[in-house]
Amino acid sequence: MELKFKARKTESNDEMSITYSCDCGCQPEARYKKGTSQSGHEHCCCGKVHFAGPHAEQELDAYLADRRKKGEDEGLGYDIKSGSIKAPWGDAIPVAYALPYAEADRRPSK
């Protein structure tokens, strides 16, 4: 499954909202401010999570590792994907996202 991201301007000329239409009915939104090193992120109610910013993939990995450490994603795994989206000011902004799956569904059968 691939998520189709859209970049939208916000009220500020140097900030954007990165969204997608989720099949659960939500419109998750991560905000990114031009020139910052921190990625914005959002975790949807159905378990999908996305980050947008210069270190999106590393921040997503750290976020998921922290959740595992806290026991928040017991029995879940994530398929990680990445790409980029064009910002309203013309730059390509990295985007990384994780799609959850039940680990029991991926175990080899005996």
PDB file of N, CA and C in Angstrom:
ATOM      1  N   MET A   1       0.844  -1.179   0.000  1.00  0.00           N
ATOM      2  CA  MET A   1       0.000   0.000   0.000  1.00  0.00           C
ATOM      3  C   MET A   1       0.893   1.247   0.000  1.00  0.00           C
ATOM      4  N   GLU A   2       0.579   2.150  -0.854  1.00  0.00           N
ATOM      5  CA  GLU A   2       1.290   3.427  -0.927  1.00  0.00           C
ATOM      6  C   GLU A   2       0.345   4.531  -0.473  1.00  0.00           C
ATOM      7  N   LEU A   3       0.836   5.442   0.337  1.00  0.00           N
ATOM      8  CA  LEU A   3       0.035   6.597   0.726  1.00  0.00           C
ATOM      9  C   LEU A   3       0.297   7.727  -0.253  1.00  0.00           C
ATOM     10  N   LYS A   4      -0.742   8.442  -0.618  1.00  0.00           N
ATOM     11  CA  LYS A   4      -0.655   9.586  -1.543  1.00  0.00           C
ATOM     12  C   LYS A   4      -0.703  10.871  -0.726  1.00  0.00           C
ATOM     13  N   PHE A   5       0.456  11.492  -0.547  1.00  0.00           N
ATOM     14  CA  PHE A   5       0.543  12.703   0.264  1.00  0.00           C
ATOM     15  C   PHE A   5       0.232  13.948  -0.543  1.00  0.00           C
ATOM     16  N   LYS A   6      -0.319  14.941   0.151  1.00  0.00           N
ATOM     17  CA  LYS A   6      -0.583  16.260  -0.422  1.00  0.00           C
ATOM     18  C   LYS A   6       0.071  17.294   0.473  1.00  0.00           C
ATOM     19  N   ALA A   7       0.682  18.302  -0.151  1.00  0.00           N
ATOM     20  CA  ALA A   7       1.260  19.423   0.598  1.00  0.00           C
ATOM     21  C   ALA A   7       0.308  20.603   0.490  1.00  0.00           C
ATOM     22  N   ARG A   8       0.029  21.192   1.615  1.00  0.00           N
ATOM     23  CA  ARG A   8      -0.844  22.367   1.642  1.00  0.00           C
ATOM     24  C   ARG A   8      -0.138  23.491   2.384  1.00  0.00           C
ATOM     25  N   LYS A   9      -0.316  24.693   1.865  1.00  0.00           N
ATOM     26  CA  LYS A   9       0.185  25.865   2.581  1.00  0.00           C
ATOM     27  C   LYS A   9      -0.626  26.032   3.859  1.00  0.00           C
ATOM     28  N   THR A  10       0.027  26.571   4.856  1.00  0.00           N
ATOM     29  CA  THR A  10      -0.691  26.952   6.068  1.00  0.00           C
ATOM     30  C   THR A  10      -0.813  28.477   6.054  1.00  0.00           C
ATOM     31  N   GLU A  11      -1.276  29.027   7.146  1.00  0.00           N
ATOM     32  CA  GLU A  11      -1.412  30.480   7.234  1.00  0.00           C
ATOM     33  C   GLU A  11      -0.055  31.194   7.170  1.00  0.00           C
ATOM     34  N   SER A  12       1.003  30.468   7.447  1.00  0.00           N
ATOM     35  CA  SER A  12       2.366  31.001   7.392  1.00  0.00           C
ATOM     36  C   SER A  12       3.013  30.613   6.058  1.00  0.00           C
ATOM     37  N   ASN A  13       3.718  31.522   5.432  1.00  0.00           N
ATOM     38  CA  ASN A  13       4.368  31.247   4.142  1.00  0.00           C
ATOM     39  C   ASN A  13       5.522  30.271   4.248  1.00  0.00           C
ATOM     40  N   ASP A  14       6.045  30.046   5.454  1.00  0.00           N
ATOM     41  CA  ASP A  14       7.193  29.156   5.612  1.00  0.00           C
ATOM     42  C   ASP A  14       6.837  27.860   6.329  1.00  0.00           C
ATOM     43  N   GLU A  15       5.563  27.505   6.297  1.00  0.00           N
ATOM     44  CA  GLU A  15       5.119  26.268   6.933  1.00  0.00           C
ATOM     45  C   GLU A  15       4.158  25.550   5.994  1.00  0.00           C
ATOM     46  N   MET A  16       4.198  24.220   6.055  1.00  0.00           N
ATOM     47  CA  MET A  16       3.294  23.425   5.233  1.00  0.00           C
ATOM     48  C   MET A  16       2.690  22.305   6.051  1.00  0.00           C
ATOM     49  N   SER A  17       1.580  21.802   5.575  1.00  0.00           N
ATOM     50  CA  SER A  17       0.887  20.668   6.152  1.00  0.00           C
ATOM     51  C   SER A  17       0.970  19.530   5.149  1.00  0.00           C
ATOM     52  N   ILE A  18       1.402  18.363   5.594  1.00  0.00           N
ATOM     53  CA  ILE A  18       1.513  17.187   4.736  1.00  0.00           C
ATOM     54  C   ILE A  18       0.426  16.214   5.194  1.00  0.00           C
ATOM     55  N   THR A  19      -0.528  15.932   4.304  1.00  0.00           N
ATOM     56  CA  THR A  19      -1.684  15.123   4.661  1.00  0.00           C
ATOM     57  C   THR A  19      -1.895  13.991   3.652  1.00  0.00           C
ATOM     58  N   TYR A  20      -2.755  13.073   4.002  1.00  0.00           N
ATOM     59  CA  TYR A  20      -3.251  12.047   3.097  1.00  0.00           C
ATOM     60  C   TYR A  20      -4.645  11.687   3.566  1.00  0.00           C
ATOM     61  N   SER A  21      -5.433  11.126   2.703  1.00  0.00           N
ATOM     62  CA  SER A  21      -6.758  10.632   3.069  1.00  0.00           C
ATOM     63  C   SER A  21      -6.617   9.176   3.464  1.00  0.00           C
ATOM     64  N   CYS A  22      -6.845   8.898   4.707  1.00  0.00           N
ATOM     65  CA  CYS A  22      -6.677   7.535   5.227  1.00  0.00           C
ATOM     66  C   CYS A  22      -7.950   6.730   4.978  1.00  0.00           C
ATOM     67  N   ASP A  23      -7.791   5.435   4.740  1.00  0.00           N
ATOM     68  CA  ASP A  23      -8.954   4.582   4.508  1.00  0.00           C
ATOM     69  C   ASP A  23      -9.823   4.410   5.754  1.00  0.00           C
ATOM     70  N   CYS A  24      -9.337   4.852   6.920  1.00  0.00           N
ATOM     71  CA  CYS A  24     -10.145   4.790   8.142  1.00  0.00           C
ATOM     72  C   CYS A  24     -11.056   6.009   8.266  1.00  0.00           C
ATOM     73  N   GLY A  25     -10.879   6.994   7.377  1.00  0.00           N
ATOM     74  CA  GLY A  25     -11.709   8.192   7.406  1.00  0.00           C
ATOM     75  C   GLY A  25     -11.006   9.427   7.940  1.00  0.00           C
ATOM     76  N   CYS A  26      -9.831   9.267   8.515  1.00  0.00           N
ATOM     77  CA  CYS A  26      -9.080  10.400   9.060  1.00  0.00           C
ATOM     78  C   CYS A  26      -8.307  11.147   7.966  1.00  0.00           C
ATOM     79  N   GLN A  27      -7.861  12.344   8.299  1.00  0.00           N
ATOM     80  CA  GLN A  27      -6.977  13.143   7.440  1.00  0.00           C
ATOM     81  C   GLN A  27      -5.760  13.543   8.281  1.00  0.00           C
ATOM     82  N   PRO A  28      -4.858  12.597   8.568  1.00  0.00           N
ATOM     83  CA  PRO A  28      -3.701  12.908   9.408  1.00  0.00           C
ATOM     84  C   PRO A  28      -2.865  14.033   8.810  1.00  0.00           C
ATOM     85  N   GLU A  29      -2.320  14.868   9.679  1.00  0.00           N
ATOM     86  CA  GLU A  29      -1.579  16.044   9.230  1.00  0.00           C
ATOM     87  C   GLU A  29      -0.273  16.182  10.015  1.00  0.00           C
ATOM     88  N   ALA A  30       0.826  16.256   9.289  1.00  0.00           N
ATOM     89  CA  ALA A  30       2.126  16.567   9.898  1.00  0.00           C
ATOM     90  C   ALA A  30       2.536  17.944   9.374  1.00  0.00           C
ATOM     91  N   ARG A  31       2.976  18.804  10.262  1.00  0.00           N
ATOM     92  CA  ARG A  31       3.391  20.147   9.837  1.00  0.00           C
ATOM     93  C   ARG A  31       4.909  20.230   9.824  1.00  0.00           C
ATOM     94  N   TYR A  32       5.408  20.909   8.813  1.00  0.00           N
ATOM     95  CA  TYR A  32       6.851  21.135   8.705  1.00  0.00           C
ATOM     96  C   TYR A  32       7.091  22.612   8.439  1.00  0.00           C
ATOM     97  N   LYS A  33       8.021  23.204   9.197  1.00  0.00           N
ATOM     98  CA  LYS A  33       8.387  24.603   9.024  1.00  0.00           C
ATOM     99  C   LYS A  33       9.716  24.695   8.290  1.00  0.00           C
ATOM    100  N   LYS A  34       9.716  25.472   7.233  1.00  0.00           N
ATOM    101  CA  LYS A  34      10.893  25.653   6.379  1.00  0.00           C
ATOM    102  C   LYS A  34      12.127  26.012   7.213  1.00  0.00           C
ATOM    103  N   GLY A  35      13.234  25.321   6.898  1.00  0.00           N
ATOM    104  CA  GLY A  35      14.513  25.629   7.531  1.00  0.00           C
ATOM    105  C   GLY A  35      14.749  24.973   8.872  1.00  0.00           C
ATOM    106  N   THR A  36      13.773  24.253   9.416  1.00  0.00           N
ATOM    107  CA  THR A  36      13.991  23.592  10.701  1.00  0.00           C
ATOM    108  C   THR A  36      14.543  22.190  10.474  1.00  0.00           C
ATOM    109  N   SER A  37      15.177  21.644  11.483  1.00  0.00           N
ATOM    110  CA  SER A  37      15.737  20.302  11.353  1.00  0.00           C
ATOM    111  C   SER A  37      14.813  19.243  11.926  1.00  0.00           C
ATOM    112  N   GLN A  38      13.756  19.657  12.609  1.00  0.00           N
ATOM    113  CA  GLN A  38      12.839  18.702  13.222  1.00  0.00           C
ATOM    114  C   GLN A  38      11.670  18.414  12.287  1.00  0.00           C
ATOM    115  N   SER A  39      11.312  17.157  12.185  1.00  0.00           N
ATOM    116  CA  SER A  39      10.184  16.734  11.365  1.00  0.00           C
ATOM    117  C   SER A  39       8.893  16.835  12.156  1.00  0.00           C
ATOM    118  N   GLY A  40       7.812  17.159  11.455  1.00  0.00           N
ATOM    119  CA  GLY A  40       6.489  17.077  12.051  1.00  0.00           C
ATOM    120  C   GLY A  40       5.970  15.670  11.844  1.00  0.00           C
ATOM    121  N   HIS A  41       5.056  15.240  12.703  1.00  0.00           N
ATOM    122  CA  HIS A  41       4.510  13.894  12.528  1.00  0.00           C
ATOM    123  C   HIS A  41       3.091  13.798  13.057  1.00  0.00           C
ATOM    124  N   GLU A  42       2.418  12.725  12.657  1.00  0.00           N
ATOM    125  CA  GLU A  42       1.116  12.387  13.221  1.00  0.00           C
ATOM    126  C   GLU A  42       0.940  10.879  13.145  1.00  0.00           C
ATOM    127  N   HIS A  43       0.299  10.350  14.182  1.00  0.00           N
ATOM    128  CA  HIS A  43      -0.004   8.924  14.281  1.00  0.00           C
ATOM    129  C   HIS A  43      -1.518   8.795  14.196  1.00  0.00           C
ATOM    130  N   CYS A  44      -2.002   8.161  13.152  1.00  0.00           N
ATOM    131  CA  CYS A  44      -3.433   8.014  12.899  1.00  0.00           C
ATOM    132  C   CYS A  44      -4.060   7.012  13.877  1.00  0.00           C
ATOM    133  N   CYS A  45      -5.365   7.114  14.054  1.00  0.00           N
ATOM    134  CA  CYS A  45      -6.081   6.206  14.953  1.00  0.00           C
ATOM    135  C   CYS A  45      -5.962   4.737  14.525  1.00  0.00           C
ATOM    136  N   CYS A  46      -5.737   4.482  13.224  1.00  0.00           N
ATOM    137  CA  CYS A  46      -5.652   3.109  12.721  1.00  0.00           C
ATOM    138  C   CYS A  46      -4.224   2.550  12.805  1.00  0.00           C
ATOM    139  N   GLY A  47      -3.273   3.371  13.271  1.00  0.00           N
ATOM    140  CA  GLY A  47      -1.911   2.884  13.470  1.00  0.00           C
ATOM    141  C   GLY A  47      -0.888   3.370  12.468  1.00  0.00           C
ATOM    142  N   LYS A  48      -1.319   3.949  11.346  1.00  0.00           N
ATOM    143  CA  LYS A  48      -0.352   4.490  10.386  1.00  0.00           C
ATOM    144  C   LYS A  48       0.275   5.735  10.991  1.00  0.00           C
ATOM    145  N   VAL A  49       1.548   5.929  10.698  1.00  0.00           N
ATOM    146  CA  VAL A  49       2.243   7.113  11.207  1.00  0.00           C
ATOM    147  C   VAL A  49       3.099   7.686  10.092  1.00  0.00           C
ATOM    148  N   HIS A  50       3.169   9.033  10.029  1.00  0.00           N
ATOM    149  CA  HIS A  50       4.035   9.652   9.024  1.00  0.00           C
ATOM    150  C   HIS A  50       4.787  10.835   9.607  1.00  0.00           C
ATOM    151  N   PHE A  51       5.997  11.011   9.098  1.00  0.00           N
ATOM    152  CA  PHE A  51       6.880  12.110   9.469  1.00  0.00           C
ATOM    153  C   PHE A  51       7.255  12.865   8.205  1.00  0.00           C
ATOM    154  N   ALA A  52       7.421  14.185   8.316  1.00  0.00           N
ATOM    155  CA  ALA A  52       7.843  15.012   7.184  1.00  0.00           C
ATOM    156  C   ALA A  52       8.873  16.021   7.664  1.00  0.00           C
ATOM    157  N   GLY A  53      10.021  16.033   7.021  1.00  0.00           N
ATOM    158  CA  GLY A  53      11.110  16.935   7.377  1.00  0.00           C
ATOM    159  C   GLY A  53      12.434  16.319   6.986  1.00  0.00           C
ATOM    160  N   PRO A  54      13.524  17.055   7.197  1.00  0.00           N
ATOM    161  CA  PRO A  54      14.831  16.614   6.695  1.00  0.00           C
ATOM    162  C   PRO A  54      15.320  15.273   7.237  1.00  0.00           C
ATOM    163  N   HIS A  55      14.891  14.895   8.423  1.00  0.00           N
ATOM    164  CA  HIS A  55      15.340  13.628   9.028  1.00  0.00           C
ATOM    165  C   HIS A  55      14.146  12.714   9.294  1.00  0.00           C
ATOM    166  N   ALA A  56      13.172  12.754   8.399  1.00  0.00           N
ATOM    167  CA  ALA A  56      11.915  12.026   8.603  1.00  0.00           C
ATOM    168  C   ALA A  56      12.129  10.542   8.900  1.00  0.00           C
ATOM    169  N   GLU A  57      12.961   9.888   8.123  1.00  0.00           N
ATOM    170  CA  GLU A  57      13.146   8.449   8.296  1.00  0.00           C
ATOM    171  C   GLU A  57      13.806   8.119   9.639  1.00  0.00           C
ATOM    172  N   GLN A  58      14.829   8.868  10.016  1.00  0.00           N
ATOM    173  CA  GLN A  58      15.503   8.619  11.296  1.00  0.00           C
ATOM    174  C   GLN A  58      14.563   8.909  12.469  1.00  0.00           C
ATOM    175  N   GLU A  59      13.779   9.976  12.370  1.00  0.00           N
ATOM    176  CA  GLU A  59      12.856  10.316  13.454  1.00  0.00           C
ATOM    177  C   GLU A  59      11.731   9.286  13.559  1.00  0.00           C
ATOM    178  N   LEU A  60      11.257   8.778  12.435  1.00  0.00           N
ATOM    179  CA  LEU A  60      10.249   7.723  12.445  1.00  0.00           C
ATOM    180  C   LEU A  60      10.807   6.474  13.113  1.00  0.00           C
ATOM    181  N   ASP A  61      12.023   6.071  12.743  1.00  0.00           N
ATOM    182  CA  ASP A  61      12.656   4.894  13.360  1.00  0.00           C
ATOM    183  C   ASP A  61      12.778   5.066  14.869  1.00  0.00           C
ATOM    184  N   ALA A  62      13.216   6.242  15.320  1.00  0.00           N
ATOM    185  CA  ALA A  62      13.378   6.506  16.752  1.00  0.00           C
ATOM    186  C   ALA A  62      12.020   6.489  17.470  1.00  0.00           C
ATOM    187  N   TYR A  63      11.007   7.057  16.847  1.00  0.00           N
ATOM    188  CA  TYR A  63       9.656   7.089  17.405  1.00  0.00           C
ATOM    189  C   TYR A  63       9.119   5.673  17.599  1.00  0.00           C
ATOM    190  N   LEU A  64       9.254   4.831  16.570  1.00  0.00           N
ATOM    191  CA  LEU A  64       8.759   3.456  16.669  1.00  0.00           C
ATOM    192  C   LEU A  64       9.560   2.643  17.678  1.00  0.00           C
ATOM    193  N   ALA A  65      10.865   2.866  17.747  1.00  0.00           N
ATOM    194  CA  ALA A  65      11.698   2.169  18.735  1.00  0.00           C
ATOM    195  C   ALA A  65      11.273   2.546  20.151  1.00  0.00           C
ATOM    196  N   ASP A  66      10.962   3.818  20.365  1.00  0.00           N
ATOM    197  CA  ASP A  66      10.513   4.281  21.684  1.00  0.00           C
ATOM    198  C   ASP A  66       9.171   3.646  22.042  1.00  0.00           C
ATOM    199  N   ARG A  67       8.272   3.546  21.083  1.00  0.00           N
ATOM    200  CA  ARG A  67       6.973   2.905  21.327  1.00  0.00           C
ATOM    201  C   ARG A  67       7.156   1.425  21.696  1.00  0.00           C
ATOM    202  N   ARG A  68       8.059   0.735  20.976  1.00  0.00           N
ATOM    203  CA  ARG A  68       8.322  -0.678  21.287  1.00  0.00           C
ATOM    204  C   ARG A  68       8.888  -0.812  22.702  1.00  0.00           C
ATOM    205  N   LYS A  69       9.790   0.081  23.034  1.00  0.00           N
ATOM    206  CA  LYS A  69      10.421   0.056  24.357  1.00  0.00           C
ATOM    207  C   LYS A  69       9.379   0.220  25.464  1.00  0.00           C
ATOM    208  N   LYS A  70       8.356   1.030  25.211  1.00  0.00           N
ATOM    209  CA  LYS A  70       7.296   1.275  26.185  1.00  0.00           C
ATOM    210  C   LYS A  70       6.216   0.199  26.151  1.00  0.00           C
ATOM    211  N   GLY A  71       6.310  -0.741  25.204  1.00  0.00           N
ATOM    212  CA  GLY A  71       5.320  -1.802  25.088  1.00  0.00           C
ATOM    213  C   GLY A  71       4.030  -1.358  24.418  1.00  0.00           C
ATOM    214  N   GLU A  72       4.059  -0.242  23.708  1.00  0.00           N
ATOM    215  CA  GLU A  72       2.845   0.303  23.094  1.00  0.00           C
ATOM    216  C   GLU A  72       2.433  -0.405  21.805  1.00  0.00           C
ATOM    217  N   ASP A  73       3.331  -1.101  21.174  1.00  0.00           N
ATOM    218  CA  ASP A  73       3.015  -1.747  19.901  1.00  0.00           C
ATOM    219  C   ASP A  73       3.192  -3.259  19.970  1.00  0.00           C
ATOM    220  N   GLU A  74       2.868  -3.847  21.117  1.00  0.00           N
ATOM    221  CA  GLU A  74       3.036  -5.284  21.287  1.00  0.00           C
ATOM    222  C   GLU A  74       2.208  -6.037  20.249  1.00  0.00           C
ATOM    223  N   GLY A  75       2.856  -6.957  19.546  1.00  0.00           N
ATOM    224  CA  GLY A  75       2.196  -7.750  18.529  1.00  0.00           C
ATOM    225  C   GLY A  75       2.107  -7.092  17.165  1.00  0.00           C
ATOM    226  N   LEU A  76       2.644  -5.875  17.055  1.00  0.00           N
ATOM    227  CA  LEU A  76       2.625  -5.153  15.779  1.00  0.00           C
ATOM    228  C   LEU A  76       4.017  -5.036  15.188  1.00  0.00           C
ATOM    229  N   GLY A  77       4.064  -5.026  13.889  1.00  0.00           N
ATOM    230  CA  GLY A  77       5.255  -4.676  13.141  1.00  0.00           C
ATOM    231  C   GLY A  77       4.870  -3.556  12.197  1.00  0.00           C
ATOM    232  N   TYR A  78       5.849  -2.969  11.546  1.00  0.00           N
ATOM    233  CA  TYR A  78       5.578  -1.866  10.626  1.00  0.00           C
ATOM    234  C   TYR A  78       6.362  -2.042   9.335  1.00  0.00           C
ATOM    235  N   ASP A  79       5.706  -1.812   8.221  1.00  0.00           N
ATOM    236  CA  ASP A  79       6.381  -1.681   6.939  1.00  0.00           C
ATOM    237  C   ASP A  79       6.729  -0.207   6.793  1.00  0.00           C
ATOM    238  N   ILE A  80       8.011   0.087   6.597  1.00  0.00           N
ATOM    239  CA  ILE A  80       8.494   1.466   6.500  1.00  0.00           C
ATOM    240  C   ILE A  80       8.706   1.824   5.036  1.00  0.00           C
ATOM    241  N   LYS A  81       8.221   2.989   4.658  1.00  0.00           N
ATOM    242  CA  LYS A  81       8.404   3.491   3.299  1.00  0.00           C
ATOM    243  C   LYS A  81       8.808   4.956   3.373  1.00  0.00           C
ATOM    244  N   SER A  82       9.461   5.430   2.317  1.00  0.00           N
ATOM    245  CA  SER A  82       9.872   6.833   2.312  1.00  0.00           C
ATOM    246  C   SER A  82       9.832   7.397   0.898  1.00  0.00           C
ATOM    247  N   GLY A  83       9.847   8.692   0.830  1.00  0.00           N
ATOM    248  CA  GLY A  83       9.830   9.418  -0.430  1.00  0.00           C
ATOM    249  C   GLY A  83      10.010  10.895  -0.142  1.00  0.00           C
ATOM    250  N   SER A  84       9.455  11.719  -0.990  1.00  0.00           N
ATOM    251  CA  SER A  84       9.513  13.162  -0.747  1.00  0.00           C
ATOM    252  C   SER A  84       8.284  13.811  -1.368  1.00  0.00           C
ATOM    253  N   ILE A  85       8.059  15.038  -0.958  1.00  0.00           N
ATOM    254  CA  ILE A  85       6.947  15.818  -1.482  1.00  0.00           C
ATOM    255  C   ILE A  85       7.442  17.236  -1.726  1.00  0.00           C
ATOM    256  N   LYS A  86       6.912  17.874  -2.751  1.00  0.00           N
ATOM    257  CA  LYS A  86       7.333  19.226  -3.092  1.00  0.00           C
ATOM    258  C   LYS A  86       6.632  20.233  -2.177  1.00  0.00           C
ATOM    259  N   ALA A  87       7.434  21.051  -1.521  1.00  0.00           N
ATOM    260  CA  ALA A  87       6.908  22.093  -0.642  1.00  0.00           C
ATOM    261  C   ALA A  87       6.363  23.251  -1.472  1.00  0.00           C
ATOM    262  N   PRO A  88       5.452  24.031  -0.919  1.00  0.00           N
ATOM    263  CA  PRO A  88       4.932  25.195  -1.635  1.00  0.00           C
ATOM    264  C   PRO A  88       6.027  26.171  -2.070  1.00  0.00           C
ATOM    265  N   TRP A  89       7.171  26.167  -1.377  1.00  0.00           N
ATOM    266  CA  TRP A  89       8.270  27.075  -1.732  1.00  0.00           C
ATOM    267  C   TRP A  89       9.267  26.408  -2.676  1.00  0.00           C
ATOM    268  N   GLY A  90       8.955  25.174  -3.137  1.00  0.00           N
ATOM    269  CA  GLY A  90       9.737  24.531  -4.188  1.00  0.00           C
ATOM    270  C   GLY A  90      10.702  23.441  -3.756  1.00  0.00           C
ATOM    271  N   ASP A  91      11.066  23.351  -2.501  1.00  0.00           N
ATOM    272  CA  ASP A  91      12.006  22.330  -2.022  1.00  0.00           C
ATOM    273  C   ASP A  91      11.347  20.954  -1.961  1.00  0.00           C
ATOM    274  N   ALA A  92      12.143  19.918  -2.129  1.00  0.00           N
ATOM    275  CA  ALA A  92      11.678  18.548  -1.917  1.00  0.00           C
ATOM    276  C   ALA A  92      11.857  18.226  -0.434  1.00  0.00           C
ATOM    277  N   ILE A  93      10.785  17.857   0.232  1.00  0.00           N
ATOM    278  CA  ILE A  93      10.805  17.561   1.668  1.00  0.00           C
ATOM    279  C   ILE A  93      10.652  16.053   1.854  1.00  0.00           C
ATOM    280  N   PRO A  94      11.603  15.423   2.566  1.00  0.00           N
ATOM    281  CA  PRO A  94      11.490  13.979   2.815  1.00  0.00           C
ATOM    282  C   PRO A  94      10.247  13.631   3.639  1.00  0.00           C
ATOM    283  N   VAL A  95       9.634  12.516   3.289  1.00  0.00           N
ATOM    284  CA  VAL A  95       8.485  11.980   4.015  1.00  0.00           C
ATOM    285  C   VAL A  95       8.764  10.496   4.256  1.00  0.00           C
ATOM    286  N   ALA A  96       8.500  10.044   5.476  1.00  0.00           N
ATOM    287  CA  ALA A  96       8.630   8.625   5.810  1.00  0.00           C
ATOM    288  C   ALA A  96       7.352   8.203   6.523  1.00  0.00           C
ATOM    289  N   TYR A  97       6.907   6.975   6.226  1.00  0.00           N
ATOM    290  CA  TYR A  97       5.694   6.523   6.894  1.00  0.00           C
ATOM    291  C   TYR A  97       5.793   5.040   7.216  1.00  0.00           C
ATOM    292  N   ALA A  98       4.959   4.640   8.179  1.00  0.00           N
ATOM    293  CA  ALA A  98       4.947   3.259   8.653  1.00  0.00           C
ATOM    294  C   ALA A  98       3.520   2.734   8.599  1.00  0.00           C
ATOM    295  N   LEU A  99       3.373   1.554   8.011  1.00  0.00           N
ATOM    296  CA  LEU A  99       2.078   0.890   7.903  1.00  0.00           C
ATOM    297  C   LEU A  99       2.083  -0.310   8.843  1.00  0.00           C
ATOM    298  N   PRO A 100       1.181  -0.348   9.819  1.00  0.00           N
ATOM    299  CA  PRO A 100       1.195  -1.439  10.809  1.00  0.00           C
ATOM    300  C   PRO A 100       0.655  -2.753  10.251  1.00  0.00           C
ATOM    301  N   TYR A 101       1.138  -3.835  10.827  1.00  0.00           N
ATOM    302  CA  TYR A 101       0.606  -5.162  10.534  1.00  0.00           C
ATOM    303  C   TYR A 101       0.730  -6.008  11.798  1.00  0.00           C
ATOM    304  N   ALA A 102      -0.118  -7.000  11.915  1.00  0.00           N
ATOM    305  CA  ALA A 102      -0.053  -7.933  13.043  1.00  0.00           C
ATOM    306  C   ALA A 102       1.099  -8.892  12.785  1.00  0.00           C
ATOM    307  N   GLU A 103       2.036  -8.959  13.728  1.00  0.00           N
ATOM    308  CA  GLU A 103       3.193  -9.846  13.549  1.00  0.00           C
ATOM    309  C   GLU A 103       2.775 -11.296  13.358  1.00  0.00           C
ATOM    310  N   ALA A 104       1.670 -11.703  13.963  1.00  0.00           N
ATOM    311  CA  ALA A 104       1.195 -13.089  13.821  1.00  0.00           C
ATOM    312  C   ALA A 104       0.852 -13.399  12.362  1.00  0.00           C
ATOM    313  N   ASP A 105       0.448 -12.381  11.614  1.00  0.00           N
ATOM    314  CA  ASP A 105       0.120 -12.578  10.197  1.00  0.00           C
ATOM    315  C   ASP A 105       1.354 -12.795   9.339  1.00  0.00           C
ATOM    316  N   ARG A 106       2.527 -12.443   9.836  1.00  0.00           N
ATOM    317  CA  ARG A 106       3.766 -12.553   9.048  1.00  0.00           C
ATOM    318  C   ARG A 106       4.633 -13.725   9.459  1.00  0.00           C
ATOM    319  N   ARG A 107       4.238 -14.442  10.495  1.00  0.00           N
ATOM    320  CA  ARG A 107       5.039 -15.582  10.941  1.00  0.00           C
ATOM    321  C   ARG A 107       4.898 -16.731   9.968  1.00  0.00           C
ATOM    322  N   PRO A 108       5.991 -17.413   9.635  1.00  0.00           N
ATOM    323  CA  PRO A 108       5.884 -18.581   8.755  1.00  0.00           C
ATOM    324  C   PRO A 108       5.057 -19.675   9.414  1.00  0.00           C
ATOM    325  N   SER A 109       4.241 -20.333   8.651  1.00  0.00           N
ATOM    326  CA  SER A 109       3.438 -21.428   9.205  1.00  0.00           C
ATOM    327  C   SER A 109       4.308 -22.664   9.369  1.00  0.00           C
ATOM    328  N   LYS A 110       3.979 -23.474  10.342  1.00  0.00           N
ATOM    329  CA  LYS A 110       4.774 -24.682  10.638  1.00  0.00           C
ATOM    330  C   LYS A 110       4.180 -25.869   9.971  1.00  0.00           C
TER     331      LYS A 110
END
